[in-house]
PDB file of N, CA and C in Angstrom:
ATOM      1  N   MET A   1     -30.430   0.895 -10.631  1.00  0.00           N
ATOM      2  CA  MET A   1     -31.709   1.589 -10.340  1.00  0.00           C
ATOM      3  C   MET A   1     -32.046   1.097  -8.859  1.00  0.00           C
ATOM      4  N   ALA A   2     -32.347   1.913  -8.183  1.00  0.00           N
ATOM      5  CA  ALA A   2     -32.885   2.094  -7.164  1.00  0.00           C
ATOM      6  C   ALA A   2     -34.271   1.735  -6.752  1.00  0.00           C
ATOM      7  N   LEU A   3     -34.499   0.757  -6.142  1.00  0.00           N
ATOM      8  CA  LEU A   3     -36.258   0.980  -5.210  1.00  0.00           C
ATOM      9  C   LEU A   3     -36.906   1.962  -4.483  1.00  0.00           C
ATOM     10  N   LYS A   4     -37.835   2.705  -4.799  1.00  0.00           N
ATOM     11  CA  LYS A   4     -38.117   3.750  -3.596  1.00  0.00           C
ATOM     12  C   LYS A   4     -39.306   3.171  -3.243  1.00  0.00           C
ATOM     13  N   VAL A   5     -39.270   2.809  -1.648  1.00  0.00           N
ATOM     14  CA  VAL A   5     -40.980   2.385  -1.595  1.00  0.00           C
ATOM     15  C   VAL A   5     -40.983   3.303  -0.399  1.00  0.00           C
ATOM     16  N   LYS A   6     -42.357   3.758  -0.546  1.00  0.00           N
ATOM     17  CA  LYS A   6     -42.926   4.751   0.501  1.00  0.00           C
ATOM     18  C   LYS A   6     -43.603   4.646   1.011  1.00  0.00           C
ATOM     19  N   VAL A   7     -43.768   4.606   2.282  1.00  0.00           N
ATOM     20  CA  VAL A   7     -44.577   3.972   3.618  1.00  0.00           C
ATOM     21  C   VAL A   7     -45.408   5.404   4.447  1.00  0.00           C
ATOM     22  N   ASN A   8     -46.426   5.225   4.571  1.00  0.00           N
ATOM     23  CA  ASN A   8     -47.381   6.347   5.369  1.00  0.00           C
ATOM     24  C   ASN A   8     -47.259   5.866   6.791  1.00  0.00           C
ATOM     25  N   LYS A   9     -47.505   6.535   7.176  1.00  0.00           N
ATOM     26  CA  LYS A   9     -47.469   6.376   8.863  1.00  0.00           C
ATOM     27  C   LYS A   9     -48.685   5.404   9.617  1.00  0.00           C
ATOM     28  N   ARG A  10     -49.744   5.058   8.851  1.00  0.00           N
ATOM     29  CA  ARG A  10     -50.815   4.539   8.885  1.00  0.00           C
ATOM     30  C   ARG A  10     -50.316   3.528   8.541  1.00  0.00           C
ATOM     31  N   VAL A  11     -49.458   2.329   7.759  1.00  0.00           N
ATOM     32  CA  VAL A  11     -49.441   1.479   7.048  1.00  0.00           C
ATOM     33  C   VAL A  11     -48.705   0.981   8.501  1.00  0.00           C
ATOM     34  N   LEU A  12     -47.262   1.693   8.746  1.00  0.00           N
ATOM     35  CA  LEU A  12     -46.564   1.396  10.192  1.00  0.00           C
ATOM     36  C   LEU A  12     -47.092   0.963  11.170  1.00  0.00           C
ATOM     37  N   THR A  13     -48.299   1.445  11.636  1.00  0.00           N
ATOM     38  CA  THR A  13     -48.979   1.512  12.450  1.00  0.00           C
ATOM     39  C   THR A  13     -50.215   0.038  12.746  1.00  0.00           C
ATOM     40  N   VAL A  14     -50.462  -0.231  11.494  1.00  0.00           N
ATOM     41  CA  VAL A  14     -51.308  -0.845  11.141  1.00  0.00           C
ATOM     42  C   VAL A  14     -50.068  -2.553  11.192  1.00  0.00           C
ATOM     43  N   ALA A  15     -49.048  -2.571  10.718  1.00  0.00           N
ATOM     44  CA  ALA A  15     -48.290  -3.238  10.975  1.00  0.00           C
ATOM     45  C   ALA A  15     -47.693  -3.810  12.292  1.00  0.00           C
ATOM     46  N   ALA A  16     -46.949  -2.963  12.885  1.00  0.00           N
ATOM     47  CA  ALA A  16     -46.798  -2.332  14.131  1.00  0.00           C
ATOM     48  C   ALA A  16     -48.132  -3.773  15.100  1.00  0.00           C
ATOM     49  N   ILE A  17     -48.768  -2.983  15.100  1.00  0.00           N
ATOM     50  CA  ILE A  17     -50.169  -3.825  15.880  1.00  0.00           C
ATOM     51  C   ILE A  17     -50.226  -5.557  15.070  1.00  0.00           C
ATOM     52  N   ALA A  18     -50.102  -5.316  14.210  1.00  0.00           N
ATOM     53  CA  ALA A  18     -49.917  -7.106  13.314  1.00  0.00           C
ATOM     54  C   ALA A  18     -49.002  -7.703  14.268  1.00  0.00           C
ATOM     55  N   ALA A  19     -47.644  -7.036  14.582  1.00  0.00           N
ATOM     56  CA  ALA A  19     -46.480  -7.920  14.920  1.00  0.00           C
ATOM     57  C   ALA A  19     -47.051  -8.267  15.941  1.00  0.00           C
ATOM     58  N   LEU A  20     -47.071  -7.089  17.289  1.00  0.00           N
ATOM     59  CA  LEU A  20     -47.518  -7.680  18.354  1.00  0.00           C
ATOM     60  C   LEU A  20     -48.837  -8.570  18.814  1.00  0.00           C
ATOM     61  N   VAL A  21     -49.546  -8.850  17.898  1.00  0.00           N
ATOM     62  CA  VAL A  21     -50.290  -9.235  18.510  1.00  0.00           C
ATOM     63  C   VAL A  21     -50.142 -11.066  17.936  1.00  0.00           C
ATOM     64  N   ILE A  22     -49.279 -10.841  16.164  1.00  0.00           N
ATOM     65  CA  ILE A  22     -48.701 -12.419  16.677  1.00  0.00           C
ATOM     66  C   ILE A  22     -47.452 -12.475  17.837  1.00  0.00           C
ATOM     67  N   ILE A  23     -46.825 -11.574  18.167  1.00  0.00           N
ATOM     68  CA  ILE A  23     -46.389 -12.055  19.089  1.00  0.00           C
ATOM     69  C   ILE A  23     -46.479 -12.655  20.907  1.00  0.00           C
ATOM     70  N   ALA A  24     -47.703 -11.852  20.429  1.00  0.00           N
ATOM     71  CA  ALA A  24     -48.627 -12.110  21.887  1.00  0.00           C
ATOM     72  C   ALA A  24     -49.339 -13.800  21.809  1.00  0.00           C
ATOM     73  N   LEU A  25     -49.779 -14.171  20.442  1.00  0.00           N
ATOM     74  CA  LEU A  25     -50.362 -15.086  20.711  1.00  0.00           C
ATOM     75  C   LEU A  25     -48.834 -16.246  20.564  1.00  0.00           C
ATOM     76  N   VAL A  26     -47.798 -16.004  20.331  1.00  0.00           N
ATOM     77  CA  VAL A  26     -47.035 -17.165  20.085  1.00  0.00           C
ATOM     78  C   VAL A  26     -46.445 -17.209  21.957  1.00  0.00           C
ATOM     79  N   VAL A  27     -46.336 -16.411  22.464  1.00  0.00           N
ATOM     80  CA  VAL A  27     -45.817 -16.357  23.534  1.00  0.00           C
ATOM     81  C   VAL A  27     -46.933 -16.883  24.480  1.00  0.00           C
ATOM     82  N   SER A  28     -48.426 -16.682  24.239  1.00  0.00           N
ATOM     83  CA  SER A  28     -49.451 -17.537  25.554  1.00  0.00           C
ATOM     84  C   SER A  28     -49.713 -18.724  24.973  1.00  0.00           C
ATOM     85  N   ARG A  29     -49.314 -18.946  23.404  1.00  0.00           N
ATOM     86  CA  ARG A  29     -49.840 -20.378  22.952  1.00  0.00           C
ATOM     87  C   ARG A  29     -48.165 -21.675  24.001  1.00  0.00           C
ATOM     88  N   GLY A  30     -47.284 -20.747  23.978  1.00  0.00           N
ATOM     89  CA  GLY A  30     -46.063 -21.629  24.690  1.00  0.00           C
ATOM     90  C   GLY A  30     -46.102 -21.596  26.203  1.00  0.00           C
ATOM     91  N   ARG A  31     -47.281 -21.084  26.726  1.00  0.00           N
ATOM     92  CA  ARG A  31     -47.317 -21.082  27.896  1.00  0.00           C
ATOM     93  C   ARG A  31     -48.586 -22.210  28.248  1.00  0.00           C
ATOM     94  N   ASP A  32     -49.275 -22.373  27.606  1.00  0.00           N
ATOM     95  CA  ASP A  32     -50.502 -23.110  28.036  1.00  0.00           C
ATOM     96  C   ASP A  32     -49.685 -24.368  27.368  1.00  0.00           C
ATOM     97  N   GLY A  33     -49.397 -24.926  26.209  1.00  0.00           N
ATOM     98  CA  GLY A  33     -48.292 -26.376  26.613  1.00  0.00           C
ATOM     99  C   GLY A  33     -47.619 -26.977  27.113  1.00  0.00           C
ATOM    100  N   GLY A  34     -47.347 -26.249  28.418  1.00  0.00           N
ATOM    101  CA  GLY A  34     -45.901 -26.440  29.012  1.00  0.00           C
ATOM    102  C   GLY A  34     -46.011 -28.135  29.276  1.00  0.00           C
ATOM    103  N   ASP A  35     -44.849 -28.341  29.969  1.00  0.00           N
ATOM    104  CA  ASP A  35     -44.968 -29.262  31.194  1.00  0.00           C
ATOM    105  C   ASP A  35     -45.170 -28.939  32.365  1.00  0.00           C
ATOM    106  N   GLY A  36     -46.006 -28.045  32.622  1.00  0.00           N
ATOM    107  CA  GLY A  36     -46.800 -27.760  34.012  1.00  0.00           C
ATOM    108  C   GLY A  36     -47.491 -29.280  34.408  1.00  0.00           C
ATOM    109  N   PRO A  37     -48.240 -29.055  35.405  1.00  0.00           N
ATOM    110  CA  PRO A  37     -49.183 -29.923  35.840  1.00  0.00           C
ATOM    111  C   PRO A  37     -50.236 -30.181  35.395  1.00  0.00           C
ATOM    112  N   GLY A  38     -50.969 -28.833  34.717  1.00  0.00           N
ATOM    113  CA  GLY A  38     -52.080 -29.011  33.756  1.00  0.00           C
ATOM    114  C   GLY A  38     -53.249 -29.106  34.860  1.00  0.00           C
ATOM    115  N   THR A  39     -54.619 -28.894  34.311  1.00  0.00           N
ATOM    116  CA  THR A  39     -55.871 -28.460  35.299  1.00  0.00           C
ATOM    117  C   THR A  39     -56.285 -29.672  35.611  1.00  0.00           C
ATOM    118  N   LEU A  40     -56.642 -30.093  36.577  1.00  0.00           N
ATOM    119  CA  LEU A  40     -57.273 -30.804  37.414  1.00  0.00           C
ATOM    120  C   LEU A  40     -59.135 -31.430  36.869  1.00  0.00           C
ATOM    121  N   ASP A  41     -58.798 -31.318  35.752  1.00  0.00           N
ATOM    122  CA  ASP A  41     -60.431 -31.330  34.841  1.00  0.00           C
ATOM    123  C   ASP A  41     -61.113 -33.189  35.557  1.00  0.00           C
ATOM    124  N   SER A  42     -62.458 -33.603  35.135  1.00  0.00           N
ATOM    125  CA  SER A  42     -63.005 -34.022  35.443  1.00  0.00           C
ATOM    126  C   SER A  42     -62.471 -35.617  35.227  1.00  0.00           C
ATOM    127  N   PRO A  43     -62.053 -36.144  34.414  1.00  0.00           N
ATOM    128  CA  PRO A  43     -61.785 -36.843  33.975  1.00  0.00           C
ATOM    129  C   PRO A  43     -60.459 -37.532  34.261  1.00  0.00           C
ATOM    130  N   ALA A  44     -59.721 -36.412  34.674  1.00  0.00           N
ATOM    131  CA  ALA A  44     -58.515 -36.366  35.337  1.00  0.00           C
ATOM    132  C   ALA A  44     -58.580 -36.594  36.983  1.00  0.00           C
ATOM    133  N   ALA A  45     -59.315 -36.058  37.513  1.00  0.00           N
ATOM    134  CA  ALA A  45     -59.614 -36.252  39.191  1.00  0.00           C
ATOM    135  C   ALA A  45     -60.179 -37.422  39.089  1.00  0.00           C
ATOM    136  N   GLN A  46     -60.597 -38.318  38.443  1.00  0.00           N
ATOM    137  CA  GLN A  46     -61.379 -39.816  38.319  1.00  0.00           C
ATOM    138  C   GLN A  46     -60.085 -40.657  37.868  1.00  0.00           C
ATOM    139  N   ALA A  47     -59.707 -40.396  37.137  1.00  0.00           N
ATOM    140  CA  ALA A  47     -58.473 -41.138  36.732  1.00  0.00           C
ATOM    141  C   ALA A  47     -57.630 -41.380  38.651  1.00  0.00           C
ATOM    142  N   CYS A  48     -57.708 -40.506  38.924  1.00  0.00           N
ATOM    143  CA  CYS A  48     -56.510 -40.275  40.047  1.00  0.00           C
ATOM    144  C   CYS A  48     -57.548 -40.923  41.302  1.00  0.00           C
ATOM    145  N   SER A  49     -58.370 -40.653  41.412  1.00  0.00           N
ATOM    146  CA  SER A  49     -59.011 -41.593  42.083  1.00  0.00           C
ATOM    147  C   SER A  49     -59.073 -42.464  42.085  1.00  0.00           C
ATOM    148  N   ASP A  50     -59.402 -43.713  40.804  1.00  0.00           N
ATOM    149  CA  ASP A  50     -59.531 -45.052  40.019  1.00  0.00           C
ATOM    150  C   ASP A  50     -57.729 -45.155  40.808  1.00  0.00           C
ATOM    151  N   PHE A  51     -56.995 -45.236  40.670  1.00  0.00           N
ATOM    152  CA  PHE A  51     -55.835 -45.490  40.923  1.00  0.00           C
ATOM    153  C   PHE A  51     -55.483 -45.344  42.238  1.00  0.00           C
ATOM    154  N   ASN A  52     -55.853 -44.521  42.701  1.00  0.00           N
ATOM    155  CA  ASN A  52     -55.501 -44.544  44.180  1.00  0.00           C
ATOM    156  C   ASN A  52     -56.268 -45.180  44.785  1.00  0.00           C
ATOM    157  N   ALA A  53     -57.338 -45.620  44.815  1.00  0.00           N
ATOM    158  CA  ALA A  53     -58.314 -46.858  44.975  1.00  0.00           C
ATOM    159  C   ALA A  53     -57.869 -48.055  45.010  1.00  0.00           C
ATOM    160  N   GLY A  54     -56.637 -47.971  43.642  1.00  0.00           N
ATOM    161  CA  GLY A  54     -56.881 -49.724  43.643  1.00  0.00           C
ATOM    162  C   GLY A  54     -54.803 -49.869  43.755  1.00  0.00           C
ATOM    163  N   TYR A  55     -54.413 -48.791  43.424  1.00  0.00           N
ATOM    164  CA  TYR A  55     -52.607 -48.862  43.421  1.00  0.00           C
ATOM    165  C   TYR A  55     -51.959 -49.744  44.372  1.00  0.00           C
ATOM    166  N   ALA A  56     -52.426 -50.137  46.220  1.00  0.00           N
ATOM    167  CA  ALA A  56     -51.982 -50.613  46.922  1.00  0.00           C
ATOM    168  C   ALA A  56     -52.474 -51.949  46.559  1.00  0.00           C
ATOM    169  N   LYS A  57     -53.396 -52.166  45.978  1.00  0.00           N
ATOM    170  CA  LYS A  57     -54.022 -53.856  46.436  1.00  0.00           C
ATOM    171  C   LYS A  57     -53.422 -54.533  44.931  1.00  0.00           C
ATOM    172  N   ALA A  58     -53.297 -53.517  43.845  1.00  0.00           N
ATOM    173  CA  ALA A  58     -52.636 -54.227  42.649  1.00  0.00           C
ATOM    174  C   ALA A  58     -51.185 -54.863  42.611  1.00  0.00           C
ATOM    175  N   LYS A  59     -51.486 -56.233  43.118  1.00  0.00           N
ATOM    176  CA  LYS A  59     -50.162 -56.724  43.373  1.00  0.00           C
ATOM    177  C   LYS A  59     -49.596 -58.032  42.259  1.00  0.00           C
ATOM    178  N   SER A  60     -50.494 -58.678  41.614  1.00  0.00           N
ATOM    179  CA  SER A  60     -50.408 -59.170  40.841  1.00  0.00           C
ATOM    180  C   SER A  60     -50.290 -58.287  39.204  1.00  0.00           C
ATOM    181  N   GLU A  61     -49.685 -59.220  38.100  1.00  0.00           N
ATOM    182  CA  GLU A  61     -49.913 -58.463  36.809  1.00  0.00           C
ATOM    183  C   GLU A  61     -51.454 -58.299  35.969  1.00  0.00           C
ATOM    184  N   SER A  62     -51.400 -59.074  36.549  1.00  0.00           N
ATOM    185  CA  SER A  62     -53.446 -58.899  36.113  1.00  0.00           C
ATOM    186  C   SER A  62     -54.464 -57.687  36.909  1.00  0.00           C
ATOM    187  N   SER A  63     -54.333 -58.438  38.627  1.00  0.00           N
ATOM    188  CA  SER A  63     -54.745 -56.641  38.727  1.00  0.00           C
ATOM    189  C   SER A  63     -53.814 -55.401  38.159  1.00  0.00           C
ATOM    190  N   ARG A  64     -52.735 -55.728  38.212  1.00  0.00           N
ATOM    191  CA  ARG A  64     -52.167 -54.042  37.558  1.00  0.00           C
ATOM    192  C   ARG A  64     -52.611 -53.863  36.014  1.00  0.00           C
ATOM    193  N   LEU A  65     -52.347 -54.554  35.789  1.00  0.00           N
ATOM    194  CA  LEU A  65     -53.602 -54.174  34.132  1.00  0.00           C
ATOM    195  C   LEU A  65     -54.718 -53.707  34.028  1.00  0.00           C
ATOM    196  N   ALA A  66     -55.318 -54.671  34.556  1.00  0.00           N
ATOM    197  CA  ALA A  66     -56.764 -54.154  35.000  1.00  0.00           C
ATOM    198  C   ALA A  66     -56.777 -52.816  35.349  1.00  0.00           C
ATOM    199  N   LEU A  67     -55.835 -52.153  36.374  1.00  0.00           N
ATOM    200  CA  LEU A  67     -56.371 -50.985  36.887  1.00  0.00           C
ATOM    201  C   LEU A  67     -55.360 -49.848  35.718  1.00  0.00           C
ATOM    202  N   ALA A  68     -54.776 -50.482  35.451  1.00  0.00           N
ATOM    203  CA  ALA A  68     -54.081 -49.266  34.113  1.00  0.00           C
ATOM    204  C   ALA A  68     -54.738 -49.259  33.161  1.00  0.00           C
ATOM    205  N   ASP A  69     -55.775 -50.089  32.823  1.00  0.00           N
ATOM    206  CA  ASP A  69     -57.093 -49.884  31.266  1.00  0.00           C
ATOM    207  C   ASP A  69     -58.175 -49.134  32.390  1.00  0.00           C
ATOM    208  N   LYS A  70     -58.367 -49.557  33.441  1.00  0.00           N
ATOM    209  CA  LYS A  70     -59.248 -48.451  34.015  1.00  0.00           C
ATOM    210  C   LYS A  70     -58.891 -47.147  34.212  1.00  0.00           C
ATOM    211  N   VAL A  71     -57.642 -46.238  34.818  1.00  0.00           N
ATOM    212  CA  VAL A  71     -57.098 -45.123  34.801  1.00  0.00           C
ATOM    213  C   VAL A  71     -57.109 -44.516  33.191  1.00  0.00           C
ATOM    214  N   SER A  72     -56.708 -45.291  32.325  1.00  0.00           N
ATOM    215  CA  SER A  72     -56.478 -45.309  31.172  1.00  0.00           C
ATOM    216  C   SER A  72     -57.644 -44.786  30.022  1.00  0.00           C
ATOM    217  N   ALA A  73     -58.929 -45.642  30.724  1.00  0.00           N
ATOM    218  CA  ALA A  73     -59.908 -44.965  29.897  1.00  0.00           C
ATOM    219  C   ALA A  73     -60.169 -43.884  30.633  1.00  0.00           C
ATOM    220  N   SER A  74     -59.982 -43.063  31.821  1.00  0.00           N
ATOM    221  CA  SER A  74     -60.651 -41.832  32.084  1.00  0.00           C
ATOM    222  C   SER A  74     -59.500 -41.210  31.771  1.00  0.00           C
ATOM    223  N   THR A  75     -58.366 -40.888  31.645  1.00  0.00           N
ATOM    224  CA  THR A  75     -57.272 -40.208  30.641  1.00  0.00           C
ATOM    225  C   THR A  75     -57.600 -40.000  29.220  1.00  0.00           C
ATOM    226  N   MET A  76     -58.523 -40.976  28.465  1.00  0.00           N
ATOM    227  CA  MET A  76     -58.489 -40.342  27.199  1.00  0.00           C
ATOM    228  C   MET A  76     -59.076 -39.895  27.432  1.00  0.00           C
ATOM    229  N   LYS A  77     -59.928 -38.944  28.298  1.00  0.00           N
ATOM    230  CA  LYS A  77     -60.905 -37.917  28.151  1.00  0.00           C
ATOM    231  C   LYS A  77     -60.320 -36.960  28.203  1.00  0.00           C
ATOM    232  N   THR A  78     -59.410 -36.610  29.216  1.00  0.00           N
ATOM    233  CA  THR A  78     -58.832 -35.171  29.955  1.00  0.00           C
ATOM    234  C   THR A  78     -57.976 -34.591  28.814  1.00  0.00           C
ATOM    235  N   ASP A  79     -58.194 -33.369  29.003  1.00  0.00           N
ATOM    236  CA  ASP A  79     -57.011 -32.313  28.615  1.00  0.00           C
ATOM    237  C   ASP A  79     -55.492 -32.259  29.316  1.00  0.00           C
ATOM    238  N   ASN A  80     -55.339 -32.925  30.722  1.00  0.00           N
ATOM    239  CA  ASN A  80     -54.345 -32.860  31.433  1.00  0.00           C
ATOM    240  C   ASN A  80     -53.032 -33.771  31.019  1.00  0.00           C
ATOM    241  N   ASP A  81     -52.131 -33.588  30.367  1.00  0.00           N
ATOM    242  CA  ASP A  81     -51.326 -34.081  29.621  1.00  0.00           C
ATOM    243  C   ASP A  81     -50.351 -34.462  30.499  1.00  0.00           C
ATOM    244  N   ALA A  82     -49.759 -34.478  31.728  1.00  0.00           N
ATOM    245  CA  ALA A  82     -49.026 -35.035  32.804  1.00  0.00           C
ATOM    246  C   ALA A  82     -49.555 -36.222  33.416  1.00  0.00           C
ATOM    247  N   ILE A  83     -50.925 -35.815  33.676  1.00  0.00           N
ATOM    248  CA  ILE A  83     -52.082 -37.223  33.774  1.00  0.00           C
ATOM    249  C   ILE A  83     -51.551 -38.064  32.990  1.00  0.00           C
ATOM    250  N   SER A  84     -52.472 -37.916  31.810  1.00  0.00           N
ATOM    251  CA  SER A  84     -52.142 -38.968  30.532  1.00  0.00           C
ATOM    252  C   SER A  84     -51.343 -39.617  30.493  1.00  0.00           C
ATOM    253  N   ASN A  85     -49.969 -38.739  30.581  1.00  0.00           N
ATOM    254  CA  ASN A  85     -48.350 -39.701  30.220  1.00  0.00           C
ATOM    255  C   ASN A  85     -48.318 -40.188  31.388  1.00  0.00           C
ATOM    256  N   ALA A  86     -48.608 -40.020  32.715  1.00  0.00           N
ATOM    257  CA  ALA A  86     -48.258 -40.563  33.850  1.00  0.00           C
ATOM    258  C   ALA A  86     -48.869 -42.204  33.588  1.00  0.00           C
ATOM    259  N   ALA A  87     -50.479 -41.684  33.260  1.00  0.00           N
ATOM    260  CA  ALA A  87     -51.309 -43.059  32.902  1.00  0.00           C
ATOM    261  C   ALA A  87     -50.771 -44.196  32.078  1.00  0.00           C
ATOM    262  N   MET A  88     -50.654 -43.773  31.208  1.00  0.00           N
ATOM    263  CA  MET A  88     -49.295 -44.230  29.957  1.00  0.00           C
ATOM    264  C   MET A  88     -48.377 -44.979  30.723  1.00  0.00           C
ATOM    265  N   LYS A  89     -47.447 -44.666  31.079  1.00  0.00           N
ATOM    266  CA  LYS A  89     -46.533 -45.096  31.433  1.00  0.00           C
ATOM    267  C   LYS A  89     -46.825 -46.299  32.893  1.00  0.00           C
ATOM    268  N   VAL A  90     -47.668 -45.655  33.380  1.00  0.00           N
ATOM    269  CA  VAL A  90     -48.560 -46.906  34.637  1.00  0.00           C
ATOM    270  C   VAL A  90     -48.373 -48.120  33.778  1.00  0.00           C
ATOM    271  N   GLY A  91     -49.563 -47.867  32.751  1.00  0.00           N
ATOM    272  CA  GLY A  91     -49.607 -48.717  31.363  1.00  0.00           C
ATOM    273  C   GLY A  91     -48.756 -50.097  31.068  1.00  0.00           C
ATOM    274  N   ASP A  92     -47.332 -49.144  30.986  1.00  0.00           N
ATOM    275  CA  ASP A  92     -46.324 -49.894  30.387  1.00  0.00           C
ATOM    276  C   ASP A  92     -45.741 -50.891  31.815  1.00  0.00           C
ATOM    277  N   ALA A  93     -45.783 -50.397  32.548  1.00  0.00           N
ATOM    278  CA  ALA A  93     -45.056 -50.600  33.867  1.00  0.00           C
ATOM    279  C   ALA A  93     -45.449 -52.548  34.737  1.00  0.00           C
ATOM    280  N   ALA A  94     -46.719 -51.981  34.156  1.00  0.00           N
ATOM    281  CA  ALA A  94     -48.236 -53.302  34.909  1.00  0.00           C
ATOM    282  C   ALA A  94     -47.621 -54.193  34.798  1.00  0.00           C
ATOM    283  N   ASN A  95     -47.449 -54.512  33.036  1.00  0.00           N
ATOM    284  CA  ASN A  95     -46.473 -55.851  33.321  1.00  0.00           C
ATOM    285  C   ASN A  95     -44.718 -56.376  33.700  1.00  0.00           C
ATOM    286  N   GLU A  96     -44.379 -55.058  34.118  1.00  0.00           N
ATOM    287  CA  GLU A  96     -42.711 -54.854  34.507  1.00  0.00           C
ATOM    288  C   GLU A  96     -42.415 -55.821  35.860  1.00  0.00           C
ATOM    289  N   SER A  97     -41.180 -55.277  36.490  1.00  0.00           N
ATOM    290  CA  SER A  97     -40.960 -55.695  37.896  1.00  0.00           C
ATOM    291  C   SER A  97     -41.871 -54.563  38.551  1.00  0.00           C
ATOM    292  N   ASN A  98     -41.806 -54.979  39.546  1.00  0.00           N
ATOM    293  CA  ASN A  98     -41.943 -54.638  41.139  1.00  0.00           C
ATOM    294  C   ASN A  98     -41.446 -52.758  41.524  1.00  0.00           C
ATOM    295  N   ALA A  99     -40.441 -52.493  41.173  1.00  0.00           N
ATOM    296  CA  ALA A  99     -39.760 -51.264  41.190  1.00  0.00           C
ATOM    297  C   ALA A  99     -40.445 -50.569  39.660  1.00  0.00           C
ATOM    298  N   GLU A 100     -40.280 -51.157  38.897  1.00  0.00           N
ATOM    299  CA  GLU A 100     -41.123 -49.966  38.088  1.00  0.00           C
ATOM    300  C   GLU A 100     -42.428 -49.763  38.264  1.00  0.00           C
ATOM    301  N   TRP A 101     -43.255 -50.790  38.374  1.00  0.00           N
ATOM    302  CA  TRP A 101     -44.430 -50.686  38.878  1.00  0.00           C
ATOM    303  C   TRP A 101     -44.682 -49.346  39.821  1.00  0.00           C
ATOM    304  N   LYS A 102     -43.423 -49.587  40.962  1.00  0.00           N
ATOM    305  CA  LYS A 102     -43.672 -48.361  41.784  1.00  0.00           C
ATOM    306  C   LYS A 102     -43.309 -47.148  41.400  1.00  0.00           C
ATOM    307  N   SER A 103     -42.130 -47.215  40.603  1.00  0.00           N
ATOM    308  CA  SER A 103     -41.947 -46.123  39.917  1.00  0.00           C
ATOM    309  C   SER A 103     -42.690 -44.907  39.327  1.00  0.00           C
ATOM    310  N   ALA A 104     -43.998 -45.923  38.180  1.00  0.00           N
ATOM    311  CA  ALA A 104     -44.509 -45.102  37.047  1.00  0.00           C
ATOM    312  C   ALA A 104     -45.772 -45.240  38.144  1.00  0.00           C
ATOM    313  N   GLY A 105     -45.946 -45.786  39.502  1.00  0.00           N
ATOM    314  CA  GLY A 105     -47.413 -45.837  40.462  1.00  0.00           C
ATOM    315  C   GLY A 105     -47.322 -44.368  41.056  1.00  0.00           C
ATOM    316  N   ASP A 106     -45.901 -44.136  41.430  1.00  0.00           N
ATOM    317  CA  ASP A 106     -45.263 -42.593  42.168  1.00  0.00           C
ATOM    318  C   ASP A 106     -45.763 -41.829  41.606  1.00  0.00           C
ATOM    319  N   ALA A 107     -45.054 -41.948  40.410  1.00  0.00           N
ATOM    320  CA  ALA A 107     -45.360 -40.708  39.356  1.00  0.00           C
ATOM    321  C   ALA A 107     -46.600 -40.626  38.768  1.00  0.00           C
ATOM    322  N   MET A 108     -47.159 -40.963  38.810  1.00  0.00           N
ATOM    323  CA  MET A 108     -48.485 -40.905  38.399  1.00  0.00           C
ATOM    324  C   MET A 108     -49.787 -40.309  39.700  1.00  0.00           C
ATOM    325  N   LEU A 109     -49.685 -40.642  41.078  1.00  0.00           N
ATOM    326  CA  LEU A 109     -49.692 -40.077  42.192  1.00  0.00           C
ATOM    327  C   LEU A 109     -49.297 -38.615  42.289  1.00  0.00           C
ATOM    328  N   LYS A 110     -47.992 -38.635  41.964  1.00  0.00           N
ATOM    329  CA  LYS A 110     -47.679 -37.007  42.314  1.00  0.00           C
ATOM    330  C   LYS A 110     -47.912 -36.236  40.934  1.00  0.00           C
ATOM    331  N   ALA A 111     -48.211 -36.631  39.780  1.00  0.00           N
ATOM    332  CA  ALA A 111     -48.602 -36.120  38.694  1.00  0.00           C
ATOM    333  C   ALA A 111     -50.125 -35.588  39.180  1.00  0.00           C
ATOM    334  N   CYS A 112     -50.881 -36.041  39.944  1.00  0.00           N
ATOM    335  CA  CYS A 112     -52.324 -35.954  40.065  1.00  0.00           C
ATOM    336  C   CYS A 112     -52.143 -35.277  41.308  1.00  0.00           C
ATOM    337  N   ARG A 113     -51.378 -34.989  42.752  1.00  0.00           N
ATOM    338  CA  ARG A 113     -51.092 -34.063  43.379  1.00  0.00           C
ATOM    339  C   ARG A 113     -51.103 -32.998  42.686  1.00  0.00           C
ATOM    340  N   ASP A 114     -49.780 -32.918  42.065  1.00  0.00           N
ATOM    341  CA  ASP A 114     -49.245 -31.827  41.272  1.00  0.00           C
ATOM    342  C   ASP A 114     -50.187 -30.950  40.740  1.00  0.00           C
ATOM    343  N   ALA A 115     -51.421 -31.441  39.770  1.00  0.00           N
ATOM    344  CA  ALA A 115     -52.079 -31.042  39.501  1.00  0.00           C
ATOM    345  C   ALA A 115     -53.325 -30.312  40.188  1.00  0.00           C
ATOM    346  N   GLY A 116     -53.455 -30.696  41.949  1.00  0.00           N
ATOM    347  CA  GLY A 116     -54.110 -30.507  42.753  1.00  0.00           C
ATOM    348  C   GLY A 116     -54.991 -31.407  43.129  1.00  0.00           C
ATOM    349  N   TRP A 117     -55.342 -32.517  42.508  1.00  0.00           N
ATOM    350  CA  TRP A 117     -56.186 -33.349  43.670  1.00  0.00           C
ATOM    351  C   TRP A 117     -55.418 -34.398  44.767  1.00  0.00           C
ATOM    352  N   SER A 118     -56.702 -34.768  45.648  1.00  0.00           N
ATOM    353  CA  SER A 118     -56.122 -35.092  46.765  1.00  0.00           C
ATOM    354  C   SER A 118     -57.181 -36.032  47.186  1.00  0.00           C
ATOM    355  N   SER A 119     -56.799 -37.262  48.475  1.00  0.00           N
ATOM    356  CA  SER A 119     -57.305 -38.250  48.446  1.00  0.00           C
ATOM    357  C   SER A 119     -58.147 -37.860  49.381  1.00  0.00           C
TER     358      SER A 119
END
């Protein structure tokens, strides 16, 4: 028993257009959430400026933690994933070795510069 399906041109056209729209949406969403530098919105710019102002002075564990808290407060309001992730790593490194702190701090400043921030 063979099943015959009869499809007219209109149905095929609508299906093709729907498929193209779905493909376009998938491709565009893939670009939005990438690993790029993201947009430098106001909270991200504030976090970058705060971090830059306090980074060289933050020598002790307590001053590093205070700076990380200040920066994290700003990044909670940003849509910039790269800066937000870098700030989280700064917070994690605040009570670690000087080398880890420097590495996280340099990565934070790089994320800021990559997003378009300048001191």
